PDB file of N, CA and C in Angstrom:
ATOM      1  N   UNK A   1      20.054 -30.415  -5.561  1.00  0.00           N
ATOM      2  CA  UNK A   1      19.868 -29.056  -5.077  1.00  0.00           C
ATOM      3  C   UNK A   1      18.401 -28.892  -4.698  1.00  0.00           C
ATOM      4  N   UNK A   2      18.154 -28.497  -3.479  1.00  0.00           N
ATOM      5  CA  UNK A   2      16.791 -28.360  -2.973  1.00  0.00           C
ATOM      6  C   UNK A   2      16.487 -26.878  -2.739  1.00  0.00           C
ATOM      7  N   UNK A   3      15.780 -26.266  -3.668  1.00  0.00           N
ATOM      8  CA  UNK A   3      15.465 -24.838  -3.595  1.00  0.00           C
ATOM      9  C   UNK A   3      14.018 -24.657  -3.159  1.00  0.00           C
ATOM     10  N   UNK A   4      13.825 -23.784  -2.190  1.00  0.00           N
ATOM     11  CA  UNK A   4      12.478 -23.416  -1.752  1.00  0.00           C
ATOM     12  C   UNK A   4      12.358 -21.900  -1.858  1.00  0.00           C
ATOM     13  N   UNK A   5      11.241 -21.468  -2.436  1.00  0.00           N
ATOM     14  CA  UNK A   5      10.963 -20.032  -2.546  1.00  0.00           C
ATOM     15  C   UNK A   5       9.731 -19.754  -1.697  1.00  0.00           C
ATOM     16  N   UNK A   6       9.913 -18.980  -0.637  1.00  0.00           N
ATOM     17  CA  UNK A   6       8.817 -18.599   0.246  1.00  0.00           C
ATOM     18  C   UNK A   6       8.317 -17.234  -0.208  1.00  0.00           C
ATOM     19  N   UNK A   7       7.029 -17.146  -0.516  1.00  0.00           N
ATOM     20  CA  UNK A   7       6.491 -15.893  -1.037  1.00  0.00           C
ATOM     21  C   UNK A   7       5.068 -15.671  -0.545  1.00  0.00           C
ATOM     22  N   UNK A   8       4.666 -14.407  -0.523  1.00  0.00           N
ATOM     23  CA  UNK A   8       3.299 -14.041  -0.158  1.00  0.00           C
ATOM     24  C   UNK A   8       2.453 -13.783  -1.391  1.00  0.00           C
ATOM     25  N   UNK A   9       3.063 -13.162  -2.358  1.00  0.00           N
ATOM     26  CA  UNK A   9       2.346 -12.844  -3.592  1.00  0.00           C
ATOM     27  C   UNK A   9       3.347 -12.832  -4.730  1.00  0.00           C
ATOM     28  N   UNK A  10       2.838 -12.833  -5.918  1.00  0.00           N
ATOM     29  CA  UNK A  10       3.700 -12.831  -7.099  1.00  0.00           C
ATOM     30  C   UNK A  10       4.207 -11.424  -7.361  1.00  0.00           C
ATOM     31  N   UNK A  11       5.178 -10.986  -6.577  1.00  0.00           N
ATOM     32  CA  UNK A  11       5.770  -9.686  -6.845  1.00  0.00           C
ATOM     33  C   UNK A  11       6.927  -9.842  -7.828  1.00  0.00           C
ATOM     34  N   UNK A  12       7.536  -8.770  -8.215  1.00  0.00           N
ATOM     35  CA  UNK A  12       8.586  -8.783  -9.223  1.00  0.00           C
ATOM     36  C   UNK A  12       9.745  -9.687  -8.814  1.00  0.00           C
ATOM     37  N   UNK A  13      10.192  -9.590  -7.563  1.00  0.00           N
ATOM     38  CA  UNK A  13      11.324 -10.397  -7.111  1.00  0.00           C
ATOM     39  C   UNK A  13      10.991 -11.886  -7.077  1.00  0.00           C
ATOM     40  N   UNK A  14       9.752 -12.227  -6.723  1.00  0.00           N
ATOM     41  CA  UNK A  14       9.336 -13.630  -6.719  1.00  0.00           C
ATOM     42  C   UNK A  14       9.350 -14.165  -8.152  1.00  0.00           C
ATOM     43  N   UNK A  15       8.820 -13.399  -9.075  1.00  0.00           N
ATOM     44  CA  UNK A  15       8.821 -13.812 -10.479  1.00  0.00           C
ATOM     45  C   UNK A  15      10.248 -13.956 -11.003  1.00  0.00           C
ATOM     46  N   UNK A  16      11.122 -13.053 -10.583  1.00  0.00           N
ATOM     47  CA  UNK A  16      12.516 -13.101 -11.006  1.00  0.00           C
ATOM     48  C   UNK A  16      13.187 -14.375 -10.485  1.00  0.00           C
ATOM     49  N   UNK A  17      12.916 -14.730  -9.241  1.00  0.00           N
ATOM     50  CA  UNK A  17      13.487 -15.944  -8.651  1.00  0.00           C
ATOM     51  C   UNK A  17      12.989 -17.184  -9.392  1.00  0.00           C
ATOM     52  N   UNK A  18      11.686 -17.245  -9.643  1.00  0.00           N
ATOM     53  CA  UNK A  18      11.132 -18.396 -10.362  1.00  0.00           C
ATOM     54  C   UNK A  18      11.755 -18.508 -11.759  1.00  0.00           C
ATOM     55  N   UNK A  19      11.836 -17.400 -12.464  1.00  0.00           N
ATOM     56  CA  UNK A  19      12.389 -17.388 -13.811  1.00  0.00           C
ATOM     57  C   UNK A  19      13.864 -17.829 -13.792  1.00  0.00           C
ATOM     58  N   UNK A  20      14.621 -17.352 -12.810  1.00  0.00           N
ATOM     59  CA  UNK A  20      16.038 -17.699 -12.687  1.00  0.00           C
ATOM     60  C   UNK A  20      16.215 -19.214 -12.626  1.00  0.00           C
ATOM     61  N   UNK A  21      15.465 -19.874 -11.747  1.00  0.00           N
ATOM     62  CA  UNK A  21      15.630 -21.316 -11.585  1.00  0.00           C
ATOM     63  C   UNK A  21      15.021 -22.102 -12.749  1.00  0.00           C
ATOM     64  N   UNK A  22      13.917 -21.623 -13.300  1.00  0.00           N
ATOM     65  CA  UNK A  22      13.310 -22.284 -14.467  1.00  0.00           C
ATOM     66  C   UNK A  22      14.268 -22.274 -15.654  1.00  0.00           C
ATOM     67  N   UNK A  23      14.877 -21.124 -15.922  1.00  0.00           N
ATOM     68  CA  UNK A  23      15.788 -20.990 -17.059  1.00  0.00           C
ATOM     69  C   UNK A  23      16.980 -21.930 -16.947  1.00  0.00           C
ATOM     70  N   UNK A  24      17.359 -22.275 -15.728  1.00  0.00           N
ATOM     71  CA  UNK A  24      18.503 -23.152 -15.509  1.00  0.00           C
ATOM     72  C   UNK A  24      18.074 -24.598 -15.258  1.00  0.00           C
ATOM     73  N   UNK A  25      16.779 -24.836 -15.440  1.00  0.00           N
ATOM     74  CA  UNK A  25      16.181 -26.170 -15.251  1.00  0.00           C
ATOM     75  C   UNK A  25      16.501 -26.755 -13.882  1.00  0.00           C
ATOM     76  N   UNK A  26      16.408 -25.905 -12.872  1.00  0.00           N
ATOM     77  CA  UNK A  26      16.620 -26.333 -11.490  1.00  0.00           C
ATOM     78  C   UNK A  26      15.258 -26.364 -10.817  1.00  0.00           C
ATOM     79  N   UNK A  27      14.919 -27.531 -10.322  1.00  0.00           N
ATOM     80  CA  UNK A  27      13.623 -27.694  -9.660  1.00  0.00           C
ATOM     81  C   UNK A  27      13.593 -26.860  -8.384  1.00  0.00           C
ATOM     82  N   UNK A  28      12.444 -26.292  -8.121  1.00  0.00           N
ATOM     83  CA  UNK A  28      12.254 -25.511  -6.898  1.00  0.00           C
ATOM     84  C   UNK A  28      10.836 -25.747  -6.401  1.00  0.00           C
ATOM     85  N   UNK A  29      10.635 -25.426  -5.152  1.00  0.00           N
ATOM     86  CA  UNK A  29       9.318 -25.537  -4.537  1.00  0.00           C
ATOM     87  C   UNK A  29       8.882 -24.136  -4.138  1.00  0.00           C
ATOM     88  N   UNK A  30       7.716 -23.719  -4.620  1.00  0.00           N
ATOM     89  CA  UNK A  30       7.167 -22.412  -4.251  1.00  0.00           C
ATOM     90  C   UNK A  30       6.210 -22.614  -3.092  1.00  0.00           C
ATOM     91  N   UNK A  31       6.505 -21.965  -1.977  1.00  0.00           N
ATOM     92  CA  UNK A  31       5.680 -22.098  -0.780  1.00  0.00           C
ATOM     93  C   UNK A  31       4.941 -20.782  -0.536  1.00  0.00           C
ATOM     94  N   UNK A  32       3.638 -20.835  -0.640  1.00  0.00           N
ATOM     95  CA  UNK A  32       2.788 -19.672  -0.404  1.00  0.00           C
ATOM     96  C   UNK A  32       2.640 -19.491   1.103  1.00  0.00           C
ATOM     97  N   UNK A  33       3.148 -18.384   1.615  1.00  0.00           N
ATOM     98  CA  UNK A  33       3.117 -18.153   3.061  1.00  0.00           C
ATOM     99  C   UNK A  33       1.707 -17.918   3.593  1.00  0.00           C
ATOM    100  N   UNK A  34       0.738 -17.732   2.700  1.00  0.00           N
ATOM    101  CA  UNK A  34      -0.653 -17.640   3.156  1.00  0.00           C
ATOM    102  C   UNK A  34      -1.171 -19.022   3.541  1.00  0.00           C
ATOM    103  N   UNK A  35      -0.581 -20.060   2.935  1.00  0.00           N
ATOM    104  CA  UNK A  35      -1.015 -21.433   3.195  1.00  0.00           C
ATOM    105  C   UNK A  35      -0.024 -22.206   4.061  1.00  0.00           C
ATOM    106  N   UNK A  36       1.264 -21.965   3.852  1.00  0.00           N
ATOM    107  CA  UNK A  36       2.334 -22.666   4.553  1.00  0.00           C
ATOM    108  C   UNK A  36       2.853 -21.791   5.688  1.00  0.00           C
ATOM    109  N   UNK A  37       2.494 -22.128   6.894  1.00  0.00           N
ATOM    110  CA  UNK A  37       2.943 -21.337   8.043  1.00  0.00           C
ATOM    111  C   UNK A  37       4.375 -21.749   8.405  1.00  0.00           C
ATOM    112  N   UNK A  38       5.249 -20.768   8.557  1.00  0.00           N
ATOM    113  CA  UNK A  38       6.630 -21.050   8.919  1.00  0.00           C
ATOM    114  C   UNK A  38       6.714 -21.542  10.359  1.00  0.00           C
ATOM    115  N   UNK A  39       7.550 -22.526  10.576  1.00  0.00           N
ATOM    116  CA  UNK A  39       7.804 -23.016  11.923  1.00  0.00           C
ATOM    117  C   UNK A  39       8.853 -22.158  12.607  1.00  0.00           C
ATOM    118  N   UNK A  40       8.960 -22.316  13.899  1.00  0.00           N
ATOM    119  CA  UNK A  40       9.913 -21.527  14.682  1.00  0.00           C
ATOM    120  C   UNK A  40      11.348 -21.767  14.196  1.00  0.00           C
ATOM    121  N   UNK A  41      11.717 -23.018  13.954  1.00  0.00           N
ATOM    122  CA  UNK A  41      13.092 -23.309  13.538  1.00  0.00           C
ATOM    123  C   UNK A  41      13.408 -22.698  12.172  1.00  0.00           C
ATOM    124  N   UNK A  42      12.446 -22.740  11.247  1.00  0.00           N
ATOM    125  CA  UNK A  42      12.647 -22.102   9.938  1.00  0.00           C
ATOM    126  C   UNK A  42      12.844 -20.592  10.110  1.00  0.00           C
ATOM    127  N   UNK A  43      11.974 -19.988  10.908  1.00  0.00           N
ATOM    128  CA  UNK A  43      12.057 -18.539  11.113  1.00  0.00           C
ATOM    129  C   UNK A  43      13.380 -18.173  11.790  1.00  0.00           C
ATOM    130  N   UNK A  44      13.814 -18.976  12.751  1.00  0.00           N
ATOM    131  CA  UNK A  44      15.086 -18.706  13.422  1.00  0.00           C
ATOM    132  C   UNK A  44      16.264 -18.844  12.455  1.00  0.00           C
ATOM    133  N   UNK A  45      16.184 -19.814  11.542  1.00  0.00           N
ATOM    134  CA  UNK A  45      17.224 -19.963  10.523  1.00  0.00           C
ATOM    135  C   UNK A  45      17.287 -18.703   9.658  1.00  0.00           C
ATOM    136  N   UNK A  46      16.126 -18.239   9.202  1.00  0.00           N
ATOM    137  CA  UNK A  46      16.085 -17.031   8.375  1.00  0.00           C
ATOM    138  C   UNK A  46      16.600 -15.820   9.154  1.00  0.00           C
ATOM    139  N   UNK A  47      16.242 -15.734  10.426  1.00  0.00           N
ATOM    140  CA  UNK A  47      16.696 -14.615  11.255  1.00  0.00           C
ATOM    141  C   UNK A  47      18.218 -14.628  11.397  1.00  0.00           C
ATOM    142  N   UNK A  48      18.806 -15.816  11.603  1.00  0.00           N
ATOM    143  CA  UNK A  48      20.272 -15.928  11.719  1.00  0.00           C
ATOM    144  C   UNK A  48      20.962 -15.589  10.405  1.00  0.00           C
ATOM    145  N   UNK A  49      20.443 -16.102   9.306  1.00  0.00           N
ATOM    146  CA  UNK A  49      21.094 -15.922   8.006  1.00  0.00           C
ATOM    147  C   UNK A  49      20.891 -14.522   7.427  1.00  0.00           C
ATOM    148  N   UNK A  50      19.712 -13.963   7.638  1.00  0.00           N
ATOM    149  CA  UNK A  50      19.347 -12.715   6.957  1.00  0.00           C
ATOM    150  C   UNK A  50      19.263 -11.511   7.884  1.00  0.00           C
ATOM    151  N   UNK A  51      19.201 -11.755   9.184  1.00  0.00           N
ATOM    152  CA  UNK A  51      19.025 -10.680  10.158  1.00  0.00           C
ATOM    153  C   UNK A  51      17.549 -10.448  10.414  1.00  0.00           C
ATOM    154  N   UNK A  52      17.143 -10.547  11.651  1.00  0.00           N
ATOM    155  CA  UNK A  52      15.715 -10.457  11.997  1.00  0.00           C
ATOM    156  C   UNK A  52      15.123  -9.119  11.557  1.00  0.00           C
ATOM    157  N   UNK A  53      15.885  -8.033  11.665  1.00  0.00           N
ATOM    158  CA  UNK A  53      15.381  -6.708  11.261  1.00  0.00           C
ATOM    159  C   UNK A  53      15.090  -6.668   9.764  1.00  0.00           C
ATOM    160  N   UNK A  54      15.892  -7.374   8.966  1.00  0.00           N
ATOM    161  CA  UNK A  54      15.721  -7.375   7.515  1.00  0.00           C
ATOM    162  C   UNK A  54      14.478  -8.133   7.065  1.00  0.00           C
ATOM    163  N   UNK A  55      13.972  -9.015   7.905  1.00  0.00           N
ATOM    164  CA  UNK A  55      12.804  -9.817   7.531  1.00  0.00           C
ATOM    165  C   UNK A  55      11.498  -9.023   7.561  1.00  0.00           C
ATOM    166  N   UNK A  56      11.489  -7.917   8.285  1.00  0.00           N
ATOM    167  CA  UNK A  56      10.271  -7.120   8.430  1.00  0.00           C
ATOM    168  C   UNK A  56      10.073  -6.233   7.199  1.00  0.00           C
ATOM    169  N   UNK A  57       8.902  -6.348   6.568  1.00  0.00           N
ATOM    170  CA  UNK A  57       8.583  -5.562   5.367  1.00  0.00           C
ATOM    171  C   UNK A  57       8.081  -4.180   5.778  1.00  0.00           C
ATOM    172  N   UNK A  58       9.006  -3.259   5.941  1.00  0.00           N
ATOM    173  CA  UNK A  58       8.652  -1.917   6.399  1.00  0.00           C
ATOM    174  C   UNK A  58       8.001  -1.064   5.315  1.00  0.00           C
ATOM    175  N   UNK A  59       7.918  -1.573   4.078  1.00  0.00           N
ATOM    176  CA  UNK A  59       7.204  -0.868   3.017  1.00  0.00           C
ATOM    177  C   UNK A  59       5.712  -1.178   3.033  1.00  0.00           C
ATOM    178  N   UNK A  60       5.332  -2.183   3.780  1.00  0.00           N
ATOM    179  CA  UNK A  60       3.933  -2.595   3.891  1.00  0.00           C
ATOM    180  C   UNK A  60       3.211  -1.649   4.855  1.00  0.00           C
ATOM    181  N   UNK A  61       2.143  -0.967   4.402  1.00  0.00           N
ATOM    182  CA  UNK A  61       1.419  -0.033   5.275  1.00  0.00           C
ATOM    183  C   UNK A  61       0.885  -0.706   6.543  1.00  0.00           C
ATOM    184  N   UNK A  62       0.493  -1.966   6.431  1.00  0.00           N
ATOM    185  CA  UNK A  62      -0.008  -2.702   7.602  1.00  0.00           C
ATOM    186  C   UNK A  62       1.100  -2.865   8.643  1.00  0.00           C
ATOM    187  N   UNK A  63       2.328  -3.078   8.190  1.00  0.00           N
ATOM    188  CA  UNK A  63       3.466  -3.225   9.101  1.00  0.00           C
ATOM    189  C   UNK A  63       3.795  -1.885   9.746  1.00  0.00           C
ATOM    190  N   UNK A  64       3.762  -0.812   8.952  1.00  0.00           N
ATOM    191  CA  UNK A  64       4.090   0.517   9.491  1.00  0.00           C
ATOM    192  C   UNK A  64       3.119   0.962  10.575  1.00  0.00           C
ATOM    193  N   UNK A  65       1.909   0.403  10.571  1.00  0.00           N
ATOM    194  CA  UNK A  65       0.947   0.766  11.612  1.00  0.00           C
ATOM    195  C   UNK A  65       1.018  -0.194  12.804  1.00  0.00           C
ATOM    196  N   UNK A  66       2.012  -1.079  12.812  1.00  0.00           N
ATOM    197  CA  UNK A  66       2.175  -2.063  13.881  1.00  0.00           C
ATOM    198  C   UNK A  66       3.475  -1.765  14.645  1.00  0.00           C
ATOM    199  N   UNK A  67       3.504  -2.002  15.947  1.00  0.00           N
ATOM    200  CA  UNK A  67       4.723  -1.722  16.732  1.00  0.00           C
ATOM    201  C   UNK A  67       5.973  -2.470  16.252  1.00  0.00           C
ATOM    202  N   UNK A  68       5.809  -3.598  15.552  1.00  0.00           N
ATOM    203  CA  UNK A  68       6.977  -4.373  15.111  1.00  0.00           C
ATOM    204  C   UNK A  68       7.882  -3.559  14.188  1.00  0.00           C
ATOM    205  N   UNK A  69       7.346  -2.585  13.503  1.00  0.00           N
ATOM    206  CA  UNK A  69       8.141  -1.762  12.589  1.00  0.00           C
ATOM    207  C   UNK A  69       9.071  -0.806  13.331  1.00  0.00           C
ATOM    208  N   UNK A  70       8.833  -0.632  14.626  1.00  0.00           N
ATOM    209  CA  UNK A  70       9.572   0.391  15.383  1.00  0.00           C
ATOM    210  C   UNK A  70      10.315  -0.158  16.591  1.00  0.00           C
ATOM    211  N   UNK A  71      10.557  -1.465  16.620  1.00  0.00           N
ATOM    212  CA  UNK A  71      11.227  -2.052  17.776  1.00  0.00           C
ATOM    213  C   UNK A  71      12.529  -2.729  17.362  1.00  0.00           C
ATOM    214  N   UNK A  72      13.439  -2.848  18.314  1.00  0.00           N
ATOM    215  CA  UNK A  72      14.685  -3.590  18.121  1.00  0.00           C
ATOM    216  C   UNK A  72      14.650  -4.911  18.888  1.00  0.00           C
ATOM    217  N   UNK A  73      13.558  -5.183  19.588  1.00  0.00           N
ATOM    218  CA  UNK A  73      13.418  -6.388  20.402  1.00  0.00           C
ATOM    219  C   UNK A  73      13.271  -7.608  19.490  1.00  0.00           C
ATOM    220  N   UNK A  74      14.358  -8.363  19.343  1.00  0.00           N
ATOM    221  CA  UNK A  74      14.370  -9.481  18.400  1.00  0.00           C
ATOM    222  C   UNK A  74      13.366 -10.571  18.759  1.00  0.00           C
ATOM    223  N   UNK A  75      13.175 -10.817  20.047  1.00  0.00           N
ATOM    224  CA  UNK A  75      12.191 -11.808  20.478  1.00  0.00           C
ATOM    225  C   UNK A  75      10.784 -11.402  20.070  1.00  0.00           C
ATOM    226  N   UNK A  76      10.465 -10.136  20.254  1.00  0.00           N
ATOM    227  CA  UNK A  76       9.143  -9.621  19.870  1.00  0.00           C
ATOM    228  C   UNK A  76       8.953  -9.707  18.357  1.00  0.00           C
ATOM    229  N   UNK A  77       9.997  -9.341  17.607  1.00  0.00           N
ATOM    230  CA  UNK A  77       9.908  -9.401  16.146  1.00  0.00           C
ATOM    231  C   UNK A  77       9.674 -10.841  15.696  1.00  0.00           C
ATOM    232  N   UNK A  78      10.432 -11.777  16.262  1.00  0.00           N
ATOM    233  CA  UNK A  78      10.284 -13.188  15.898  1.00  0.00           C
ATOM    234  C   UNK A  78       8.866 -13.679  16.157  1.00  0.00           C
ATOM    235  N   UNK A  79       8.352 -13.400  17.347  1.00  0.00           N
ATOM    236  CA  UNK A  79       6.989 -13.838  17.696  1.00  0.00           C
ATOM    237  C   UNK A  79       5.949 -13.198  16.769  1.00  0.00           C
ATOM    238  N   UNK A  80       6.129 -11.915  16.482  1.00  0.00           N
ATOM    239  CA  UNK A  80       5.180 -11.212  15.618  1.00  0.00           C
ATOM    240  C   UNK A  80       5.186 -11.792  14.203  1.00  0.00           C
ATOM    241  N   UNK A  81       6.381 -12.083  13.683  1.00  0.00           N
ATOM    242  CA  UNK A  81       6.471 -12.645  12.332  1.00  0.00           C
ATOM    243  C   UNK A  81       5.903 -14.064  12.280  1.00  0.00           C
ATOM    244  N   UNK A  82       6.066 -14.823  13.348  1.00  0.00           N
ATOM    245  CA  UNK A  82       5.475 -16.165  13.392  1.00  0.00           C
ATOM    246  C   UNK A  82       3.950 -16.084  13.369  1.00  0.00           C
ATOM    247  N   UNK A  83       3.405 -15.118  14.079  1.00  0.00           N
ATOM    248  CA  UNK A  83       1.946 -14.947  14.129  1.00  0.00           C
ATOM    249  C   UNK A  83       1.406 -14.272  12.870  1.00  0.00           C
ATOM    250  N   UNK A  84       2.216 -13.403  12.247  1.00  0.00           N
ATOM    251  CA  UNK A  84       1.775 -12.603  11.090  1.00  0.00           C
ATOM    252  C   UNK A  84       2.770 -12.730   9.942  1.00  0.00           C
ATOM    253  N   UNK A  85       2.782 -13.866   9.240  1.00  0.00           N
ATOM    254  CA  UNK A  85       3.749 -14.021   8.150  1.00  0.00           C
ATOM    255  C   UNK A  85       3.575 -12.986   7.034  1.00  0.00           C
ATOM    256  N   UNK A  86       2.427 -12.326   6.985  1.00  0.00           N
ATOM    257  CA  UNK A  86       2.215 -11.294   5.961  1.00  0.00           C
ATOM    258  C   UNK A  86       3.099 -10.069   6.212  1.00  0.00           C
ATOM    259  N   UNK A  87       3.745  -9.993   7.379  1.00  0.00           N
ATOM    260  CA  UNK A  87       4.667  -8.895   7.692  1.00  0.00           C
ATOM    261  C   UNK A  87       6.076  -9.154   7.151  1.00  0.00           C
ATOM    262  N   UNK A  88       6.315 -10.334   6.577  1.00  0.00           N
ATOM    263  CA  UNK A  88       7.637 -10.692   6.067  1.00  0.00           C
ATOM    264  C   UNK A  88       7.927 -10.055   4.717  1.00  0.00           C
ATOM    265  N   UNK A  89       9.197  -9.695   4.514  1.00  0.00           N
ATOM    266  CA  UNK A  89       9.668  -9.327   3.172  1.00  0.00           C
ATOM    267  C   UNK A  89       9.848 -10.625   2.403  1.00  0.00           C
ATOM    268  N   UNK A  90       9.447 -10.624   1.170  1.00  0.00           N
ATOM    269  CA  UNK A  90       9.594 -11.828   0.364  1.00  0.00           C
ATOM    270  C   UNK A  90      10.067 -11.455  -1.035  1.00  0.00           C
ATOM    271  N   UNK A  91      10.586 -12.394  -1.797  1.00  0.00           N
ATOM    272  CA  UNK A  91      10.703 -13.810  -1.474  1.00  0.00           C
ATOM    273  C   UNK A  91      11.933 -14.111  -0.617  1.00  0.00           C
ATOM    274  N   UNK A  92      11.808 -15.163   0.166  1.00  0.00           N
ATOM    275  CA  UNK A  92      12.946 -15.747   0.855  1.00  0.00           C
ATOM    276  C   UNK A  92      13.268 -17.012   0.066  1.00  0.00           C
ATOM    277  N   UNK A  93      14.486 -17.096  -0.438  1.00  0.00           N
ATOM    278  CA  UNK A  93      14.903 -18.257  -1.221  1.00  0.00           C
ATOM    279  C   UNK A  93      15.889 -19.043  -0.364  1.00  0.00           C
ATOM    280  N   UNK A  94      15.601 -20.332  -0.229  1.00  0.00           N
ATOM    281  CA  UNK A  94      16.397 -21.169   0.656  1.00  0.00           C
ATOM    282  C   UNK A  94      17.013 -22.339  -0.110  1.00  0.00           C
ATOM    283  N   UNK A  95      18.259 -22.617   0.212  1.00  0.00           N
ATOM    284  CA  UNK A  95      18.964 -23.792  -0.307  1.00  0.00           C
ATOM    285  C   UNK A  95      19.683 -24.407   0.886  1.00  0.00           C
ATOM    286  N   UNK A  96      19.078 -25.422   1.479  1.00  0.00           N
ATOM    287  CA  UNK A  96      19.654 -26.036   2.681  1.00  0.00           C
ATOM    288  C   UNK A  96      19.685 -25.043   3.824  1.00  0.00           C
ATOM    289  N   UNK A  97      20.873 -24.789   4.356  1.00  0.00           N
ATOM    290  CA  UNK A  97      21.024 -23.858   5.477  1.00  0.00           C
ATOM    291  C   UNK A  97      21.246 -22.418   5.014  1.00  0.00           C
ATOM    292  N   UNK A  98      21.353 -22.214   3.698  1.00  0.00           N
ATOM    293  CA  UNK A  98      21.575 -20.879   3.141  1.00  0.00           C
ATOM    294  C   UNK A  98      20.238 -20.247   2.766  1.00  0.00           C
ATOM    295  N   UNK A  99      20.181 -18.929   2.814  1.00  0.00           N
ATOM    296  CA  UNK A  99      18.952 -18.222   2.450  1.00  0.00           C
ATOM    297  C   UNK A  99      19.292 -16.836   1.924  1.00  0.00           C
ATOM    298  N   UNK A 100      18.417 -16.352   1.044  1.00  0.00           N
ATOM    299  CA  UNK A 100      18.537 -14.983   0.541  1.00  0.00           C
ATOM    300  C   UNK A 100      17.179 -14.309   0.668  1.00  0.00           C
ATOM    301  N   UNK A 101      17.208 -13.006   0.638  1.00  0.00           N
ATOM    302  CA  UNK A 101      15.994 -12.208   0.724  1.00  0.00           C
ATOM    303  C   UNK A 101      15.938 -11.328  -0.513  1.00  0.00           C
ATOM    304  N   UNK A 102      14.858 -11.462  -1.288  1.00  0.00           N
ATOM    305  CA  UNK A 102      14.748 -10.714  -2.534  1.00  0.00           C
ATOM    306  C   UNK A 102      15.463 -11.446  -3.657  1.00  0.00           C
ATOM    307  N   UNK A 103      15.756 -10.720  -4.720  1.00  0.00           N
ATOM    308  CA  UNK A 103      16.408 -11.303  -5.896  1.00  0.00           C
ATOM    309  C   UNK A 103      17.924 -11.177  -5.738  1.00  0.00           C
ATOM    310  N   UNK A 104      18.572 -12.283  -5.439  1.00  0.00           N
ATOM    311  CA  UNK A 104      20.022 -12.310  -5.209  1.00  0.00           C
ATOM    312  C   UNK A 104      20.674 -13.285  -6.185  1.00  0.00           C
ATOM    313  N   UNK A 105      20.653 -12.943  -7.452  1.00  0.00           N
ATOM    314  CA  UNK A 105      21.114 -13.857  -8.492  1.00  0.00           C
ATOM    315  C   UNK A 105      22.574 -14.279  -8.329  1.00  0.00           C
ATOM    316  N   UNK A 106      23.443 -13.394  -7.885  1.00  0.00           N
ATOM    317  CA  UNK A 106      24.857 -13.752  -7.711  1.00  0.00           C
ATOM    318  C   UNK A 106      25.008 -14.851  -6.660  1.00  0.00           C
ATOM    319  N   UNK A 107      24.252 -14.753  -5.597  1.00  0.00           N
ATOM    320  CA  UNK A 107      24.289 -15.786  -4.556  1.00  0.00           C
ATOM    321  C   UNK A 107      23.742 -17.096  -5.095  1.00  0.00           C
ATOM    322  N   UNK A 108      22.649 -17.036  -5.843  1.00  0.00           N
ATOM    323  CA  UNK A 108      22.064 -18.253  -6.422  1.00  0.00           C
ATOM    324  C   UNK A 108      23.043 -18.905  -7.386  1.00  0.00           C
ATOM    325  N   UNK A 109      23.761 -18.092  -8.171  1.00  0.00           N
ATOM    326  CA  UNK A 109      24.779 -18.625  -9.083  1.00  0.00           C
ATOM    327  C   UNK A 109      25.854 -19.371  -8.292  1.00  0.00           C
ATOM    328  N   UNK A 110      26.260 -18.808  -7.158  1.00  0.00           N
ATOM    329  CA  UNK A 110      27.271 -19.459  -6.312  1.00  0.00           C
ATOM    330  C   UNK A 110      26.747 -20.796  -5.779  1.00  0.00           C
ATOM    331  N   UNK A 111      25.473 -20.839  -5.397  1.00  0.00           N
ATOM    332  CA  UNK A 111      24.887 -22.104  -4.934  1.00  0.00           C
ATOM    333  C   UNK A 111      24.977 -23.150  -6.038  1.00  0.00           C
ATOM    334  N   UNK A 112      24.625 -22.755  -7.252  1.00  0.00           N
ATOM    335  CA  UNK A 112      24.628 -23.693  -8.397  1.00  0.00           C
ATOM    336  C   UNK A 112      26.054 -24.178  -8.654  1.00  0.00           C
ATOM    337  N   UNK A 113      27.014 -23.264  -8.628  1.00  0.00           N
ATOM    338  CA  UNK A 113      28.404 -23.628  -8.871  1.00  0.00           C
ATOM    339  C   UNK A 113      28.886 -24.607  -7.801  1.00  0.00           C
ATOM    340  N   UNK A 114      28.541 -24.343  -6.557  1.00  0.00           N
ATOM    341  CA  UNK A 114      28.966 -25.196  -5.441  1.00  0.00           C
ATOM    342  C   UNK A 114      28.331 -26.579  -5.527  1.00  0.00           C
ATOM    343  N   UNK A 115      27.052 -26.613  -5.878  1.00  0.00           N
ATOM    344  CA  UNK A 115      26.299 -27.873  -5.924  1.00  0.00           C
ATOM    345  C   UNK A 115      26.473 -28.605  -7.243  1.00  0.00           C
ATOM    346  N   UNK A 116      27.042 -27.947  -8.221  1.00  0.00           N
ATOM    347  CA  UNK A 116      27.171 -28.564  -9.534  1.00  0.00           C
ATOM    348  C   UNK A 116      25.851 -28.617 -10.283  1.00  0.00           C
ATOM    349  N   UNK A 117      24.880 -27.766  -9.862  1.00  0.00           N
ATOM    350  CA  UNK A 117      23.590 -27.684 -10.548  1.00  0.00           C
ATOM    351  C   UNK A 117      22.662 -28.832 -10.285  1.00  0.00           C
ATOM    352  N   UNK A 118      22.970 -29.661  -9.297  1.00  0.00           N
ATOM    353  CA  UNK A 118      22.127 -30.835  -9.024  1.00  0.00           C
ATOM    354  C   UNK A 118      20.911 -30.482  -8.218  1.00  0.00           C
TER     355      UNK A 118
END
């Protein structure tokens, strides 16, 4: 099982995700989005799985003062998020082609059941 947690800062949901996998002794990789820039294919995967509108952190004051918070143009949103990963909602937890946004323990449990915890 290959788990990646993409995060900007140690917020409550990021800590919850880390604790969830640690408690189950499942190895994960924490990727700091300040250091690890997302590639186009990764961002497109997240957009397909989670919805491009859902990726925008509209609670962030910096995002609310940017046009990306008020547009439906998916191409513009994608380009903006690639250039400004700090506008992303996090954590994004990925297992292969699957992804979740925030703390989605039921989904993570399903991944473990499907993979047999490996």
